[in-house]
Amino acid sequence: MGEEEARLDSLRKRVEFELRTKDFEIVASAEILWSGWECDTDAVIVRLADGTVKWVVVGDVDVSAKTVVETLRERKVAYEKAIADTEALLEVAKREGLA
């Protein structure tokens, strides 16, 4: 089993635990990353057997399904800042002959 297959299998098991059913389809998912923490979270959109589509949040950080969209937007801003800071640092390293 490849790395991505293993990740999806693990995610499916965690969603199954949260929903208390095996009768669902994962439509999409994304990791919610927290700088400096080892307890990342997954935001998952699932389709239930009755056709209902809903959020499921699994992981170690408490994010409710009601606030997941807001949390994802906030984390995206943090990711963009981290990327910009990393790019700036790499430019300084290049200018200083370290990269």
PDB file of N, CA and C in Angstrom:
ATOM      1  N   MET A   1       0.851  -1.177   0.000  1.00  0.00           N
ATOM      2  CA  MET A   1       0.000   0.000   0.000  1.00  0.00           C
ATOM      3  C   MET A   1       0.892   1.234   0.000  1.00  0.00           C
ATOM      4  N   GLY A   2       0.612   2.143  -0.942  1.00  0.00           N
ATOM      5  CA  GLY A   2       1.379   3.368  -1.038  1.00  0.00           C
ATOM      6  C   GLY A   2       1.029   4.346   0.070  1.00  0.00           C
ATOM      7  N   GLU A   3       1.822   5.403   0.167  1.00  0.00           N
ATOM      8  CA  GLU A   3       1.636   6.404   1.222  1.00  0.00           C
ATOM      9  C   GLU A   3       0.264   7.070   1.153  1.00  0.00           C
ATOM     10  N   GLU A   4      -0.154   7.458  -0.045  1.00  0.00           N
ATOM     11  CA  GLU A   4      -1.457   8.118  -0.192  1.00  0.00           C
ATOM     12  C   GLU A   4      -2.601   7.163   0.121  1.00  0.00           C
ATOM     13  N   GLU A   5      -2.485   5.916  -0.340  1.00  0.00           N
ATOM     14  CA  GLU A   5      -3.515   4.918  -0.018  1.00  0.00           C
ATOM     15  C   GLU A   5      -3.609   4.692   1.479  1.00  0.00           C
ATOM     16  N   ALA A   6      -2.466   4.636   2.142  1.00  0.00           N
ATOM     17  CA  ALA A   6      -2.444   4.440   3.594  1.00  0.00           C
ATOM     18  C   ALA A   6      -3.081   5.630   4.308  1.00  0.00           C
ATOM     19  N   ARG A   7      -2.801   6.849   3.825  1.00  0.00           N
ATOM     20  CA  ARG A   7      -3.394   8.043   4.433  1.00  0.00           C
ATOM     21  C   ARG A   7      -4.908   8.021   4.286  1.00  0.00           C
ATOM     22  N   LEU A   8      -5.385   7.689   3.084  1.00  0.00           N
ATOM     23  CA  LEU A   8      -6.825   7.649   2.842  1.00  0.00           C
ATOM     24  C   LEU A   8      -7.503   6.539   3.650  1.00  0.00           C
ATOM     25  N   ASP A   9      -6.837   5.414   3.788  1.00  0.00           N
ATOM     26  CA  ASP A   9      -7.379   4.319   4.599  1.00  0.00           C
ATOM     27  C   ASP A   9      -7.508   4.744   6.058  1.00  0.00           C
ATOM     28  N   SER A  10      -6.474   5.396   6.566  1.00  0.00           N
ATOM     29  CA  SER A  10      -6.512   5.893   7.941  1.00  0.00           C
ATOM     30  C   SER A  10      -7.609   6.934   8.109  1.00  0.00           C
ATOM     31  N   LEU A  11      -7.722   7.838   7.138  1.00  0.00           N
ATOM     32  CA  LEU A  11      -8.746   8.872   7.191  1.00  0.00           C
ATOM     33  C   LEU A  11     -10.134   8.240   7.181  1.00  0.00           C
ATOM     34  N   ARG A  12     -10.336   7.269   6.324  1.00  0.00           N
ATOM     35  CA  ARG A  12     -11.637   6.592   6.250  1.00  0.00           C
ATOM     36  C   ARG A  12     -11.995   5.954   7.594  1.00  0.00           C
ATOM     37  N   LYS A  13     -11.032   5.334   8.235  1.00  0.00           N
ATOM     38  CA  LYS A  13     -11.289   4.700   9.538  1.00  0.00           C
ATOM     39  C   LYS A  13     -11.644   5.741  10.599  1.00  0.00           C
ATOM     40  N   ARG A  14     -10.969   6.900  10.560  1.00  0.00           N
ATOM     41  CA  ARG A  14     -11.267   7.944  11.545  1.00  0.00           C
ATOM     42  C   ARG A  14     -12.645   8.556  11.305  1.00  0.00           C
ATOM     43  N   VAL A  15     -13.008   8.739  10.024  1.00  0.00           N
ATOM     44  CA  VAL A  15     -14.342   9.255   9.704  1.00  0.00           C
ATOM     45  C   VAL A  15     -15.399   8.225  10.119  1.00  0.00           C
ATOM     46  N   GLU A  16     -15.133   6.973   9.836  1.00  0.00           N
ATOM     47  CA  GLU A  16     -16.051   5.897  10.227  1.00  0.00           C
ATOM     48  C   GLU A  16     -16.295   5.912  11.735  1.00  0.00           C
ATOM     49  N   PHE A  17     -15.255   6.120  12.507  1.00  0.00           N
ATOM     50  CA  PHE A  17     -15.378   6.192  13.959  1.00  0.00           C
ATOM     51  C   PHE A  17     -16.265   7.374  14.363  1.00  0.00           C
ATOM     52  N   GLU A  18     -16.046   8.535  13.725  1.00  0.00           N
ATOM     53  CA  GLU A  18     -16.839   9.729  14.047  1.00  0.00           C
ATOM     54  C   GLU A  18     -18.307   9.555  13.679  1.00  0.00           C
ATOM     55  N   LEU A  19     -18.567   8.973  12.520  1.00  0.00           N
ATOM     56  CA  LEU A  19     -19.938   8.827  12.030  1.00  0.00           C
ATOM     57  C   LEU A  19     -20.647   7.602  12.598  1.00  0.00           C
ATOM     58  N   ARG A  20     -19.874   6.648  13.097  1.00  0.00           N
ATOM     59  CA  ARG A  20     -20.422   5.387  13.611  1.00  0.00           C
ATOM     60  C   ARG A  20     -21.130   4.585  12.516  1.00  0.00           C
ATOM     61  N   THR A  21     -20.610   4.709  11.300  1.00  0.00           N
ATOM     62  CA  THR A  21     -21.144   3.939  10.172  1.00  0.00           C
ATOM     63  C   THR A  21     -20.049   3.786   9.122  1.00  0.00           C
ATOM     64  N   LYS A  22     -20.177   2.733   8.313  1.00  0.00           N
ATOM     65  CA  LYS A  22     -19.273   2.525   7.188  1.00  0.00           C
ATOM     66  C   LYS A  22     -19.921   2.981   5.884  1.00  0.00           C
ATOM     67  N   ASP A  23     -21.149   3.443   5.986  1.00  0.00           N
ATOM     68  CA  ASP A  23     -21.948   3.752   4.815  1.00  0.00           C
ATOM     69  C   ASP A  23     -21.820   5.223   4.426  1.00  0.00           C
ATOM     70  N   PHE A  24     -20.662   5.590   3.868  1.00  0.00           N
ATOM     71  CA  PHE A  24     -20.402   6.952   3.435  1.00  0.00           C
ATOM     72  C   PHE A  24     -19.332   6.936   2.355  1.00  0.00           C
ATOM     73  N   GLU A  25     -19.238   8.039   1.643  1.00  0.00           N
ATOM     74  CA  GLU A  25     -18.205   8.234   0.627  1.00  0.00           C
ATOM     75  C   GLU A  25     -17.456   9.511   0.976  1.00  0.00           C
ATOM     76  N   ILE A  26     -16.132   9.463   0.945  1.00  0.00           N
ATOM     77  CA  ILE A  26     -15.344  10.680   1.125  1.00  0.00           C
ATOM     78  C   ILE A  26     -15.339  11.418  -0.207  1.00  0.00           C
ATOM     79  N   VAL A  27     -15.878  12.634  -0.202  1.00  0.00           N
ATOM     80  CA  VAL A  27     -15.945  13.450  -1.410  1.00  0.00           C
ATOM     81  C   VAL A  27     -14.643  14.230  -1.582  1.00  0.00           C
ATOM     82  N   ALA A  28     -14.145  14.804  -0.480  1.00  0.00           N
ATOM     83  CA  ALA A  28     -12.902  15.586  -0.519  1.00  0.00           C
ATOM     84  C   ALA A  28     -12.399  15.752   0.901  1.00  0.00           C
ATOM     85  N   SER A  29     -11.104  16.028   1.014  1.00  0.00           N
ATOM     86  CA  SER A  29     -10.539  16.269   2.345  1.00  0.00           C
ATOM     87  C   SER A  29      -9.302  17.150   2.219  1.00  0.00           C
ATOM     88  N   ALA A  30      -8.971  17.776   3.344  1.00  0.00           N
ATOM     89  CA  ALA A  30      -7.744  18.566   3.425  1.00  0.00           C
ATOM     90  C   ALA A  30      -7.263  18.545   4.863  1.00  0.00           C
ATOM     91  N   GLU A  31      -5.960  18.524   5.021  1.00  0.00           N
ATOM     92  CA  GLU A  31      -5.394  18.624   6.356  1.00  0.00           C
ATOM     93  C   GLU A  31      -5.477  20.073   6.828  1.00  0.00           C
ATOM     94  N   ILE A  32      -5.798  20.245   8.090  1.00  0.00           N
ATOM     95  CA  ILE A  32      -5.720  21.559   8.727  1.00  0.00           C
ATOM     96  C   ILE A  32      -4.438  21.520   9.543  1.00  0.00           C
ATOM     97  N   LEU A  33      -3.440  22.269   9.115  1.00  0.00           N
ATOM     98  CA  LEU A  33      -2.126  22.231   9.749  1.00  0.00           C
ATOM     99  C   LEU A  33      -2.013  23.312  10.813  1.00  0.00           C
ATOM    100  N   TRP A  34      -1.332  22.980  11.881  1.00  0.00           N
ATOM    101  CA  TRP A  34      -1.123  23.910  12.996  1.00  0.00           C
ATOM    102  C   TRP A  34       0.376  24.007  13.230  1.00  0.00           C
ATOM    103  N   SER A  35       0.946  25.168  13.003  1.00  0.00           N
ATOM    104  CA  SER A  35       2.381  25.369  13.162  1.00  0.00           C
ATOM    105  C   SER A  35       2.831  24.995  14.563  1.00  0.00           C
ATOM    106  N   GLY A  36       3.876  24.177  14.630  1.00  0.00           N
ATOM    107  CA  GLY A  36       4.467  23.812  15.909  1.00  0.00           C
ATOM    108  C   GLY A  36       3.711  22.737  16.661  1.00  0.00           C
ATOM    109  N   TRP A  37       2.646  22.226  16.108  1.00  0.00           N
ATOM    110  CA  TRP A  37       1.863  21.186  16.775  1.00  0.00           C
ATOM    111  C   TRP A  37       2.027  19.888  16.010  1.00  0.00           C
ATOM    112  N   GLU A  38       1.948  18.798  16.714  1.00  0.00           N
ATOM    113  CA  GLU A  38       1.974  17.489  16.068  1.00  0.00           C
ATOM    114  C   GLU A  38       0.577  16.902  15.982  1.00  0.00           C
ATOM    115  N   CYS A  39      -0.422  17.719  16.208  1.00  0.00           N
ATOM    116  CA  CYS A  39      -1.792  17.207  16.256  1.00  0.00           C
ATOM    117  C   CYS A  39      -2.633  17.865  15.173  1.00  0.00           C
ATOM    118  N   ASP A  40      -2.320  17.532  13.941  1.00  0.00           N
ATOM    119  CA  ASP A  40      -3.065  18.095  12.834  1.00  0.00           C
ATOM    120  C   ASP A  40      -4.458  17.467  12.751  1.00  0.00           C
ATOM    121  N   THR A  41      -5.294  18.097  11.985  1.00  0.00           N
ATOM    122  CA  THR A  41      -6.699  17.737  11.881  1.00  0.00           C
ATOM    123  C   THR A  41      -7.041  17.589  10.411  1.00  0.00           C
ATOM    124  N   ASP A  42      -8.039  16.787  10.097  1.00  0.00           N
ATOM    125  CA  ASP A  42      -8.526  16.680   8.725  1.00  0.00           C
ATOM    126  C   ASP A  42      -9.950  17.188   8.653  1.00  0.00           C
ATOM    127  N   ALA A  43     -10.199  18.048   7.680  1.00  0.00           N
ATOM    128  CA  ALA A  43     -11.555  18.474   7.352  1.00  0.00           C
ATOM    129  C   ALA A  43     -11.991  17.617   6.173  1.00  0.00           C
ATOM    130  N   VAL A  44     -13.140  16.973   6.311  1.00  0.00           N
ATOM    131  CA  VAL A  44     -13.576  16.002   5.312  1.00  0.00           C
ATOM    132  C   VAL A  44     -15.022  16.294   4.915  1.00  0.00           C
ATOM    133  N   ILE A  45     -15.277  16.289   3.633  1.00  0.00           N
ATOM    134  CA  ILE A  45     -16.651  16.361   3.139  1.00  0.00           C
ATOM    135  C   ILE A  45     -17.054  14.938   2.773  1.00  0.00           C
ATOM    136  N   VAL A  46     -18.159  14.483   3.347  1.00  0.00           N
ATOM    137  CA  VAL A  46     -18.631  13.123   3.087  1.00  0.00           C
ATOM    138  C   VAL A  46     -20.051  13.155   2.533  1.00  0.00           C
ATOM    139  N   ARG A  47     -20.369  12.109   1.785  1.00  0.00           N
ATOM    140  CA  ARG A  47     -21.732  11.897   1.318  1.00  0.00           C
ATOM    141  C   ARG A  47     -22.234  10.630   2.005  1.00  0.00           C
ATOM    142  N   LEU A  48     -23.332  10.773   2.737  1.00  0.00           N
ATOM    143  CA  LEU A  48     -23.919   9.650   3.438  1.00  0.00           C
ATOM    144  C   LEU A  48     -24.779   8.827   2.480  1.00  0.00           C
ATOM    145  N   ALA A  49     -25.170   7.645   2.917  1.00  0.00           N
ATOM    146  CA  ALA A  49     -25.951   6.738   2.079  1.00  0.00           C
ATOM    147  C   ALA A  49     -27.251   7.365   1.594  1.00  0.00           C
ATOM    148  N   ASP A  50     -27.832   8.262   2.394  1.00  0.00           N
ATOM    149  CA  ASP A  50     -29.096   8.907   1.999  1.00  0.00           C
ATOM    150  C   ASP A  50     -28.884  10.105   1.081  1.00  0.00           C
ATOM    151  N   GLY A  51     -27.629  10.384   0.692  1.00  0.00           N
ATOM    152  CA  GLY A  51     -27.318  11.476  -0.208  1.00  0.00           C
ATOM    153  C   GLY A  51     -26.935  12.772   0.490  1.00  0.00           C
ATOM    154  N   THR A  52     -27.108  12.834   1.804  1.00  0.00           N
ATOM    155  CA  THR A  52     -26.741  14.015   2.573  1.00  0.00           C
ATOM    156  C   THR A  52     -25.237  14.242   2.483  1.00  0.00           C
ATOM    157  N   VAL A  53     -24.850  15.487   2.253  1.00  0.00           N
ATOM    158  CA  VAL A  53     -23.431  15.853   2.232  1.00  0.00           C
ATOM    159  C   VAL A  53     -23.171  16.686   3.474  1.00  0.00           C
ATOM    160  N   LYS A  54     -22.095  16.350   4.189  1.00  0.00           N
ATOM    161  CA  LYS A  54     -21.796  17.075   5.426  1.00  0.00           C
ATOM    162  C   LYS A  54     -20.308  17.116   5.706  1.00  0.00           C
ATOM    163  N   TRP A  55     -19.928  18.027   6.600  1.00  0.00           N
ATOM    164  CA  TRP A  55     -18.551  18.115   7.094  1.00  0.00           C
ATOM    165  C   TRP A  55     -18.351  17.108   8.210  1.00  0.00           C
ATOM    166  N   VAL A  56     -17.161  16.522   8.230  1.00  0.00           N
ATOM    167  CA  VAL A  56     -16.688  15.746   9.370  1.00  0.00           C
ATOM    168  C   VAL A  56     -15.279  16.251   9.648  1.00  0.00           C
ATOM    169  N   VAL A  57     -14.987  16.537  10.902  1.00  0.00           N
ATOM    170  CA  VAL A  57     -13.650  16.986  11.284  1.00  0.00           C
ATOM    171  C   VAL A  57     -13.063  15.935  12.209  1.00  0.00           C
ATOM    172  N   VAL A  58     -11.902  15.401  11.823  1.00  0.00           N
ATOM    173  CA  VAL A  58     -11.267  14.356  12.625  1.00  0.00           C
ATOM    174  C   VAL A  58      -9.848  14.779  12.972  1.00  0.00           C
ATOM    175  N   GLY A  59      -9.416  14.432  14.153  1.00  0.00           N
ATOM    176  CA  GLY A  59      -8.057  14.738  14.566  1.00  0.00           C
ATOM    177  C   GLY A  59      -8.002  15.189  16.002  1.00  0.00           C
ATOM    178  N   ASP A  60      -6.849  15.718  16.353  1.00  0.00           N
ATOM    179  CA  ASP A  60      -6.562  16.047  17.741  1.00  0.00           C
ATOM    180  C   ASP A  60      -6.945  17.457  18.150  1.00  0.00           C
ATOM    181  N   VAL A  61      -7.227  18.337  17.203  1.00  0.00           N
ATOM    182  CA  VAL A  61      -7.575  19.715  17.524  1.00  0.00           C
ATOM    183  C   VAL A  61      -9.088  19.854  17.384  1.00  0.00           C
ATOM    184  N   ASP A  62      -9.707  20.473  18.367  1.00  0.00           N
ATOM    185  CA  ASP A  62     -11.155  20.603  18.382  1.00  0.00           C
ATOM    186  C   ASP A  62     -11.620  21.701  17.425  1.00  0.00           C
ATOM    187  N   VAL A  63     -12.109  21.287  16.272  1.00  0.00           N
ATOM    188  CA  VAL A  63     -12.720  22.186  15.296  1.00  0.00           C
ATOM    189  C   VAL A  63     -14.090  21.597  15.009  1.00  0.00           C
ATOM    190  N   SER A  64     -15.136  22.359  15.232  1.00  0.00           N
ATOM    191  CA  SER A  64     -16.474  21.827  15.000  1.00  0.00           C
ATOM    192  C   SER A  64     -16.844  21.942  13.529  1.00  0.00           C
ATOM    193  N   ALA A  65     -17.770  21.120  13.112  1.00  0.00           N
ATOM    194  CA  ALA A  65     -18.263  21.176  11.738  1.00  0.00           C
ATOM    195  C   ALA A  65     -18.879  22.543  11.448  1.00  0.00           C
ATOM    196  N   LYS A  66     -19.389  23.206  12.481  1.00  0.00           N
ATOM    197  CA  LYS A  66     -20.015  24.520  12.303  1.00  0.00           C
ATOM    198  C   LYS A  66     -18.995  25.608  11.993  1.00  0.00           C
ATOM    199  N   THR A  67     -17.750  25.437  12.456  1.00  0.00           N
ATOM    200  CA  THR A  67     -16.730  26.475  12.256  1.00  0.00           C
ATOM    201  C   THR A  67     -15.623  26.064  11.286  1.00  0.00           C
ATOM    202  N   VAL A  68     -15.774  24.923  10.619  1.00  0.00           N
ATOM    203  CA  VAL A  68     -14.685  24.406   9.792  1.00  0.00           C
ATOM    204  C   VAL A  68     -14.350  25.343   8.623  1.00  0.00           C
ATOM    205  N   VAL A  69     -15.340  25.940   7.981  1.00  0.00           N
ATOM    206  CA  VAL A  69     -15.052  26.832   6.846  1.00  0.00           C
ATOM    207  C   VAL A  69     -14.264  28.044   7.324  1.00  0.00           C
ATOM    208  N   GLU A  70     -14.695  28.648   8.415  1.00  0.00           N
ATOM    209  CA  GLU A  70     -13.971  29.791   8.986  1.00  0.00           C
ATOM    210  C   GLU A  70     -12.551  29.384   9.378  1.00  0.00           C
ATOM    211  N   THR A  71     -12.412  28.229  10.001  1.00  0.00           N
ATOM    212  CA  THR A  71     -11.092  27.742  10.409  1.00  0.00           C
ATOM    213  C   THR A  71     -10.205  27.516   9.191  1.00  0.00           C
ATOM    214  N   LEU A  72     -10.734  26.914   8.142  1.00  0.00           N
ATOM    215  CA  LEU A  72      -9.941  26.691   6.931  1.00  0.00           C
ATOM    216  C   LEU A  72      -9.467  28.014   6.331  1.00  0.00           C
ATOM    217  N   ARG A  73     -10.333  29.002   6.318  1.00  0.00           N
ATOM    218  CA  ARG A  73      -9.937  30.314   5.775  1.00  0.00           C
ATOM    219  C   ARG A  73      -8.840  30.951   6.631  1.00  0.00           C
ATOM    220  N   GLU A  74      -8.981  30.854   7.949  1.00  0.00           N
ATOM    221  CA  GLU A  74      -7.954  31.400   8.846  1.00  0.00           C
ATOM    222  C   GLU A  74      -6.624  30.678   8.667  1.00  0.00           C
ATOM    223  N   ARG A  75      -6.664  29.362   8.562  1.00  0.00           N
ATOM    224  CA  ARG A  75      -5.433  28.595   8.399  1.00  0.00           C
ATOM    225  C   ARG A  75      -4.790  28.909   7.053  1.00  0.00           C
ATOM    226  N   LYS A  76      -5.607  29.124   6.007  1.00  0.00           N
ATOM    227  CA  LYS A  76      -5.066  29.459   4.683  1.00  0.00           C
ATOM    228  C   LYS A  76      -4.248  30.738   4.754  1.00  0.00           C
ATOM    229  N   VAL A  77      -4.720  31.730   5.485  1.00  0.00           N
ATOM    230  CA  VAL A  77      -3.958  32.978   5.663  1.00  0.00           C
ATOM    231  C   VAL A  77      -2.622  32.667   6.347  1.00  0.00           C
ATOM    232  N   ALA A  78      -2.657  31.811   7.373  1.00  0.00           N
ATOM    233  CA  ALA A  78      -1.417  31.439   8.065  1.00  0.00           C
ATOM    234  C   ALA A  78      -0.469  30.694   7.130  1.00  0.00           C
ATOM    235  N   TYR A  79      -0.994  29.801   6.282  1.00  0.00           N
ATOM    236  CA  TYR A  79      -0.148  29.067   5.333  1.00  0.00           C
ATOM    237  C   TYR A  79       0.503  30.034   4.349  1.00  0.00           C
ATOM    238  N   GLU A  80      -0.297  30.978   3.836  1.00  0.00           N
ATOM    239  CA  GLU A  80       0.233  31.948   2.872  1.00  0.00           C
ATOM    240  C   GLU A  80       1.334  32.796   3.496  1.00  0.00           C
ATOM    241  N   LYS A  81       1.169  33.192   4.753  1.00  0.00           N
ATOM    242  CA  LYS A  81       2.207  33.956   5.452  1.00  0.00           C
ATOM    243  C   LYS A  81       3.463  33.112   5.614  1.00  0.00           C
ATOM    244  N   ALA A  82       3.296  31.849   6.006  1.00  0.00           N
ATOM    245  CA  ALA A  82       4.445  30.968   6.179  1.00  0.00           C
ATOM    246  C   ALA A  82       5.193  30.779   4.856  1.00  0.00           C
ATOM    247  N   ILE A  83       4.460  30.645   3.762  1.00  0.00           N
ATOM    248  CA  ILE A  83       5.091  30.505   2.448  1.00  0.00           C
ATOM    249  C   ILE A  83       5.842  31.784   2.083  1.00  0.00           C
ATOM    250  N   ALA A  84       5.216  32.944   2.289  1.00  0.00           N
ATOM    251  CA  ALA A  84       5.869  34.221   1.986  1.00  0.00           C
ATOM    252  C   ALA A  84       7.123  34.408   2.837  1.00  0.00           C
ATOM    253  N   ASP A  85       7.035  34.081   4.124  1.00  0.00           N
ATOM    254  CA  ASP A  85       8.198  34.198   5.011  1.00  0.00           C
ATOM    255  C   ASP A  85       9.322  33.266   4.555  1.00  0.00           C
ATOM    256  N   THR A  86       8.967  32.060   4.134  1.00  0.00           N
ATOM    257  CA  THR A  86       9.965  31.091   3.669  1.00  0.00           C
ATOM    258  C   THR A  86      10.623  31.584   2.389  1.00  0.00           C
ATOM    259  N   GLU A  87       9.825  32.101   1.456  1.00  0.00           N
ATOM    260  CA  GLU A  87      10.384  32.628   0.204  1.00  0.00           C
ATOM    261  C   GLU A  87      11.321  33.803   0.475  1.00  0.00           C
ATOM    262  N   ALA A  88      10.934  34.681   1.397  1.00  0.00           N
ATOM    263  CA  ALA A  88      11.787  35.825   1.744  1.00  0.00           C
ATOM    264  C   ALA A  88      13.101  35.348   2.365  1.00  0.00           C
ATOM    265  N   LEU A  89      13.021  34.371   3.245  1.00  0.00           N
ATOM    266  CA  LEU A  89      14.226  33.834   3.880  1.00  0.00           C
ATOM    267  C   LEU A  89      15.145  33.198   2.847  1.00  0.00           C
ATOM    268  N   LEU A  90      14.586  32.467   1.901  1.00  0.00           N
ATOM    269  CA  LEU A  90      15.383  31.849   0.853  1.00  0.00           C
ATOM    270  C   LEU A  90      16.059  32.903  -0.031  1.00  0.00           C
ATOM    271  N   GLU A  91      15.383  34.015  -0.274  1.00  0.00           N
ATOM    272  CA  GLU A  91      15.973  35.104  -1.045  1.00  0.00           C
ATOM    273  C   GLU A  91      17.165  35.712  -0.300  1.00  0.00           C
ATOM    274  N   VAL A  92      17.023  35.912   1.004  1.00  0.00           N
ATOM    275  CA  VAL A  92      18.139  36.433   1.804  1.00  0.00           C
ATOM    276  C   VAL A  92      19.295  35.432   1.787  1.00  0.00           C
ATOM    277  N   ALA A  93      18.959  34.157   1.950  1.00  0.00           N
ATOM    278  CA  ALA A  93      20.007  33.123   1.915  1.00  0.00           C
ATOM    279  C   ALA A  93      20.748  33.140   0.580  1.00  0.00           C
ATOM    280  N   LYS A  94      20.012  33.304  -0.504  1.00  0.00           N
ATOM    281  CA  LYS A  94      20.615  33.368  -1.830  1.00  0.00           C
ATOM    282  C   LYS A  94      21.522  34.594  -1.949  1.00  0.00           C
ATOM    283  N   ARG A  95      20.997  35.731  -1.510  1.00  0.00           N
ATOM    284  CA  ARG A  95      21.759  36.985  -1.586  1.00  0.00           C
ATOM    285  C   ARG A  95      23.037  36.897  -0.749  1.00  0.00           C
ATOM    286  N   GLU A  96      22.985  36.208   0.347  1.00  0.00           N
ATOM    287  CA  GLU A  96      24.133  36.085   1.248  1.00  0.00           C
ATOM    288  C   GLU A  96      25.033  34.908   0.897  1.00  0.00           C
ATOM    289  N   GLY A  97      24.729  34.211  -0.205  1.00  0.00           N
ATOM    290  CA  GLY A  97      25.555  33.110  -0.647  1.00  0.00           C
ATOM    291  C   GLY A  97      25.358  31.822   0.131  1.00  0.00           C
ATOM    292  N   LEU A  98      24.220  31.690   0.782  1.00  0.00           N
ATOM    293  CA  LEU A  98      23.945  30.501   1.583  1.00  0.00           C
ATOM    294  C   LEU A  98      23.008  29.528   0.895  1.00  0.00           C
ATOM    295  N   ALA A  99      22.532  29.882  -0.276  1.00  0.00           N
ATOM    296  CA  ALA A  99      21.624  28.974  -0.990  1.00  0.00           C
ATOM    297  C   ALA A  99      21.996  28.905  -2.455  1.00  0.00           C
TER     298      ALA A  99
END
